[in-house]
N, C-alpha and C. Protein backbone atom coordinates (compact mmCIF):
# COMPACT_ATOMS: atom_id res chain seq x y z
N UNK A 1 123.66 113.24 124.22
CA UNK A 1 123.00 112.00 123.89
C UNK A 1 121.99 111.67 124.99
N UNK A 2 120.76 111.44 124.57
CA UNK A 2 119.69 111.20 125.52
C UNK A 2 119.62 109.72 125.91
N UNK A 3 119.51 109.46 127.20
CA UNK A 3 119.39 108.08 127.67
C UNK A 3 117.97 107.60 127.50
N UNK A 4 117.83 106.33 127.10
CA UNK A 4 116.53 105.72 126.98
C UNK A 4 116.24 104.98 128.28
N UNK A 5 115.10 105.23 128.90
CA UNK A 5 114.79 104.50 130.13
C UNK A 5 114.76 103.00 129.89
N UNK A 6 115.21 102.23 130.88
CA UNK A 6 115.29 100.78 130.73
C UNK A 6 113.96 100.15 130.34
N UNK A 7 112.87 100.65 130.87
CA UNK A 7 111.57 100.05 130.61
C UNK A 7 111.16 100.15 129.14
N UNK A 8 111.71 101.11 128.40
CA UNK A 8 111.30 101.26 127.00
C UNK A 8 112.26 100.56 126.03
N UNK A 9 113.35 100.01 126.52
CA UNK A 9 114.27 99.29 125.65
C UNK A 9 113.65 97.94 125.28
N UNK A 10 113.63 97.63 124.01
CA UNK A 10 113.08 96.36 123.57
C UNK A 10 113.88 95.82 122.40
N UNK A 11 113.89 94.50 122.30
CA UNK A 11 114.50 93.86 121.14
C UNK A 11 113.54 93.99 119.98
N UNK A 12 114.04 93.99 118.73
CA UNK A 12 113.13 94.07 117.59
C UNK A 12 112.21 92.87 117.55
N UNK A 13 110.99 93.10 117.13
CA UNK A 13 110.04 92.00 117.04
C UNK A 13 110.41 91.07 115.90
N UNK A 14 109.90 89.85 115.94
CA UNK A 14 110.21 88.86 114.91
C UNK A 14 109.73 89.34 113.55
N UNK A 15 108.64 90.09 113.51
CA UNK A 15 108.11 90.57 112.25
C UNK A 15 109.01 91.63 111.62
N UNK A 16 109.81 92.31 112.44
CA UNK A 16 110.66 93.38 111.93
C UNK A 16 111.98 92.87 111.37
N UNK A 17 112.30 91.61 111.58
CA UNK A 17 113.58 91.05 111.16
C UNK A 17 113.33 90.00 110.08
N UNK A 18 114.14 90.02 109.05
CA UNK A 18 113.96 89.05 107.97
C UNK A 18 114.44 87.67 108.39
N UNK A 19 113.96 86.64 107.69
CA UNK A 19 114.33 85.26 108.00
C UNK A 19 115.60 84.88 107.25
N UNK A 20 116.74 85.20 107.81
CA UNK A 20 117.99 84.73 107.25
C UNK A 20 118.68 83.88 108.30
N UNK A 21 119.79 83.28 107.95
CA UNK A 21 120.43 82.32 108.85
C UNK A 21 121.01 82.95 110.11
N UNK A 22 121.21 84.26 110.13
CA UNK A 22 121.77 84.91 111.30
C UNK A 22 120.72 85.57 112.18
N UNK A 23 119.45 85.43 111.84
CA UNK A 23 118.39 86.01 112.65
C UNK A 23 118.33 85.30 113.99
N UNK A 24 118.17 86.07 115.04
CA UNK A 24 118.04 85.47 116.36
C UNK A 24 116.57 85.13 116.61
N UNK A 25 116.34 83.89 116.98
CA UNK A 25 115.00 83.40 117.24
C UNK A 25 114.83 83.20 118.74
N UNK A 26 113.65 83.50 119.26
CA UNK A 26 113.37 83.24 120.67
C UNK A 26 113.26 81.73 120.88
N UNK A 27 113.25 81.34 122.14
CA UNK A 27 113.10 79.91 122.44
C UNK A 27 111.76 79.39 121.91
N UNK A 28 110.73 80.21 122.01
CA UNK A 28 109.41 79.82 121.51
C UNK A 28 109.45 79.61 120.00
N UNK A 29 110.07 80.53 119.27
CA UNK A 29 110.17 80.40 117.82
C UNK A 29 111.00 79.18 117.43
N UNK A 30 112.10 78.96 118.14
CA UNK A 30 112.95 77.80 117.84
C UNK A 30 112.19 76.50 118.10
N UNK A 31 111.43 76.47 119.17
CA UNK A 31 110.65 75.28 119.50
C UNK A 31 109.61 75.00 118.41
N UNK A 32 108.98 76.05 117.90
CA UNK A 32 107.99 75.89 116.83
C UNK A 32 108.65 75.34 115.56
N UNK A 33 109.82 75.86 115.22
CA UNK A 33 110.51 75.40 114.01
C UNK A 33 110.91 73.93 114.15
N UNK A 34 111.42 73.56 115.31
CA UNK A 34 111.88 72.19 115.53
C UNK A 34 110.74 71.22 115.87
N UNK A 35 109.58 71.76 116.20
CA UNK A 35 108.47 70.90 116.60
C UNK A 35 108.69 70.28 117.96
N UNK A 36 109.43 70.95 118.79
CA UNK A 36 109.72 70.49 120.15
C UNK A 36 109.15 71.51 121.13
N UNK A 37 109.15 71.17 122.39
CA UNK A 37 108.65 72.10 123.41
C UNK A 37 109.77 73.04 123.86
N UNK A 38 109.35 74.15 124.46
CA UNK A 38 110.32 75.08 125.03
C UNK A 38 111.06 74.41 126.19
N UNK A 39 110.36 73.56 126.90
CA UNK A 39 110.97 72.84 128.02
C UNK A 39 112.09 71.93 127.51
N UNK A 40 111.87 71.27 126.37
CA UNK A 40 112.91 70.42 125.78
C UNK A 40 114.16 71.25 125.49
N UNK A 41 113.98 72.42 124.86
CA UNK A 41 115.13 73.26 124.54
C UNK A 41 115.82 73.77 125.79
N UNK A 42 115.06 74.09 126.82
CA UNK A 42 115.65 74.56 128.08
C UNK A 42 116.51 73.46 128.70
N UNK A 43 115.96 72.25 128.75
CA UNK A 43 116.70 71.12 129.34
C UNK A 43 117.90 70.75 128.48
N UNK A 44 117.75 70.79 127.16
CA UNK A 44 118.85 70.45 126.27
C UNK A 44 119.99 71.47 126.42
N UNK A 45 119.64 72.73 126.63
CA UNK A 45 120.67 73.76 126.83
C UNK A 45 121.42 73.52 128.13
N UNK A 46 120.69 73.14 129.18
CA UNK A 46 121.33 72.86 130.47
C UNK A 46 122.29 71.68 130.38
N UNK A 47 121.92 70.69 129.57
CA UNK A 47 122.74 69.48 129.40
C UNK A 47 123.75 69.61 128.25
N UNK A 48 123.76 70.76 127.61
CA UNK A 48 124.62 71.01 126.43
C UNK A 48 124.41 69.96 125.35
N UNK A 49 123.17 69.54 125.19
CA UNK A 49 122.84 68.52 124.21
C UNK A 49 122.00 69.08 123.06
N UNK A 50 121.56 70.30 123.19
CA UNK A 50 120.68 70.88 122.18
C UNK A 50 121.42 71.76 121.21
N UNK A 51 120.68 72.49 120.40
CA UNK A 51 121.31 73.42 119.47
C UNK A 51 122.02 74.54 120.22
N UNK A 52 123.05 75.08 119.61
CA UNK A 52 123.81 76.16 120.21
C UNK A 52 122.88 77.34 120.46
N UNK A 53 123.00 77.94 121.65
CA UNK A 53 122.15 79.08 121.98
C UNK A 53 123.01 80.26 122.43
N UNK A 54 122.39 81.42 122.42
CA UNK A 54 123.05 82.66 122.82
C UNK A 54 122.25 83.23 123.97
N UNK A 55 122.92 83.54 125.08
CA UNK A 55 122.25 84.04 126.27
C UNK A 55 122.61 85.50 126.49
N UNK A 56 121.59 86.32 126.66
CA UNK A 56 121.78 87.74 126.96
C UNK A 56 121.25 88.01 128.35
N UNK A 57 122.00 88.76 129.14
CA UNK A 57 121.53 89.17 130.46
C UNK A 57 122.16 88.37 131.58
N UNK A 58 121.74 88.72 132.79
CA UNK A 58 122.24 88.04 133.99
C UNK A 58 121.43 86.78 134.25
N UNK A 59 121.85 86.02 135.24
CA UNK A 59 121.16 84.76 135.56
C UNK A 59 119.68 84.99 135.84
N UNK A 60 119.37 86.02 136.60
CA UNK A 60 117.99 86.26 137.00
C UNK A 60 117.11 86.75 135.86
N UNK A 61 117.66 87.52 134.94
CA UNK A 61 116.85 88.12 133.89
C UNK A 61 117.43 87.85 132.51
N UNK A 62 117.84 86.64 132.27
CA UNK A 62 118.46 86.34 130.98
C UNK A 62 117.41 85.94 129.96
N UNK A 63 117.75 86.13 128.69
CA UNK A 63 116.93 85.70 127.58
C UNK A 63 117.82 84.86 126.67
N UNK A 64 117.26 83.79 126.14
CA UNK A 64 118.01 82.86 125.31
C UNK A 64 117.49 82.95 123.88
N UNK A 65 118.42 82.99 122.93
CA UNK A 65 118.08 83.06 121.52
C UNK A 65 118.85 82.00 120.75
N UNK A 66 118.34 81.66 119.59
CA UNK A 66 118.96 80.67 118.71
C UNK A 66 119.07 81.26 117.32
N UNK A 67 120.17 80.94 116.65
CA UNK A 67 120.30 81.30 115.23
C UNK A 67 119.68 80.19 114.40
N UNK A 68 118.99 80.56 113.35
CA UNK A 68 118.36 79.57 112.49
C UNK A 68 119.41 78.60 111.93
N UNK A 69 120.59 79.12 111.59
CA UNK A 69 121.65 78.26 111.06
C UNK A 69 122.11 77.24 112.10
N UNK A 70 122.10 77.61 113.39
CA UNK A 70 122.48 76.67 114.45
C UNK A 70 121.42 75.58 114.62
N UNK A 71 120.15 75.94 114.44
CA UNK A 71 119.09 74.93 114.51
C UNK A 71 119.25 73.93 113.37
N UNK A 72 119.51 74.44 112.17
CA UNK A 72 119.69 73.56 111.01
C UNK A 72 120.91 72.66 111.18
N UNK A 73 122.01 73.22 111.69
CA UNK A 73 123.23 72.43 111.90
C UNK A 73 122.99 71.34 112.94
N UNK A 74 122.25 71.65 114.00
CA UNK A 74 121.96 70.66 115.04
C UNK A 74 121.12 69.52 114.48
N UNK A 75 120.14 69.85 113.66
CA UNK A 75 119.29 68.82 113.06
C UNK A 75 120.11 67.92 112.15
N UNK A 76 120.97 68.51 111.32
CA UNK A 76 121.78 67.72 110.37
C UNK A 76 122.84 66.90 111.08
N UNK A 77 123.51 67.49 112.08
CA UNK A 77 124.59 66.80 112.76
C UNK A 77 124.09 65.61 113.57
N UNK A 78 123.04 65.81 114.31
CA UNK A 78 122.56 64.76 115.22
C UNK A 78 121.50 63.88 114.61
N UNK A 79 121.03 64.23 113.42
CA UNK A 79 120.00 63.45 112.76
C UNK A 79 118.64 63.54 113.44
N UNK A 80 118.40 64.65 114.14
CA UNK A 80 117.12 64.83 114.81
C UNK A 80 116.05 65.13 113.78
N UNK A 81 114.91 64.55 113.99
CA UNK A 81 113.78 64.81 113.10
C UNK A 81 113.11 66.12 113.53
N UNK A 82 112.70 66.90 112.56
CA UNK A 82 111.96 68.11 112.84
C UNK A 82 110.50 67.74 113.01
N UNK A 83 109.87 68.28 114.03
CA UNK A 83 108.47 68.01 114.25
C UNK A 83 108.23 66.94 115.29
N UNK A 84 109.25 66.42 115.91
CA UNK A 84 109.10 65.44 116.98
C UNK A 84 108.71 64.06 116.48
N UNK A 85 109.06 63.71 115.24
CA UNK A 85 108.72 62.42 114.67
C UNK A 85 109.65 61.30 115.10
N UNK A 86 110.75 61.64 115.78
CA UNK A 86 111.74 60.62 116.13
C UNK A 86 111.30 59.75 117.28
């Protein structure tokens, strides 16, 4: 089995994955869907007040993703408006 060098390992692009409820969205994509800033999602994750997120990697090189279903559940549960209208 041939090892793949670390530099060439990549997550699938958003265009390569279909839009279903289990698709992992980047923080940027989640922010666009919710109409909020990436900074808002970062701070909400730190305060455990935002949508559920999934973290991959170590502290120094981690990446955060969101499931579309978790974004929808957060909006419905907390009554947050999509698009920043609240």
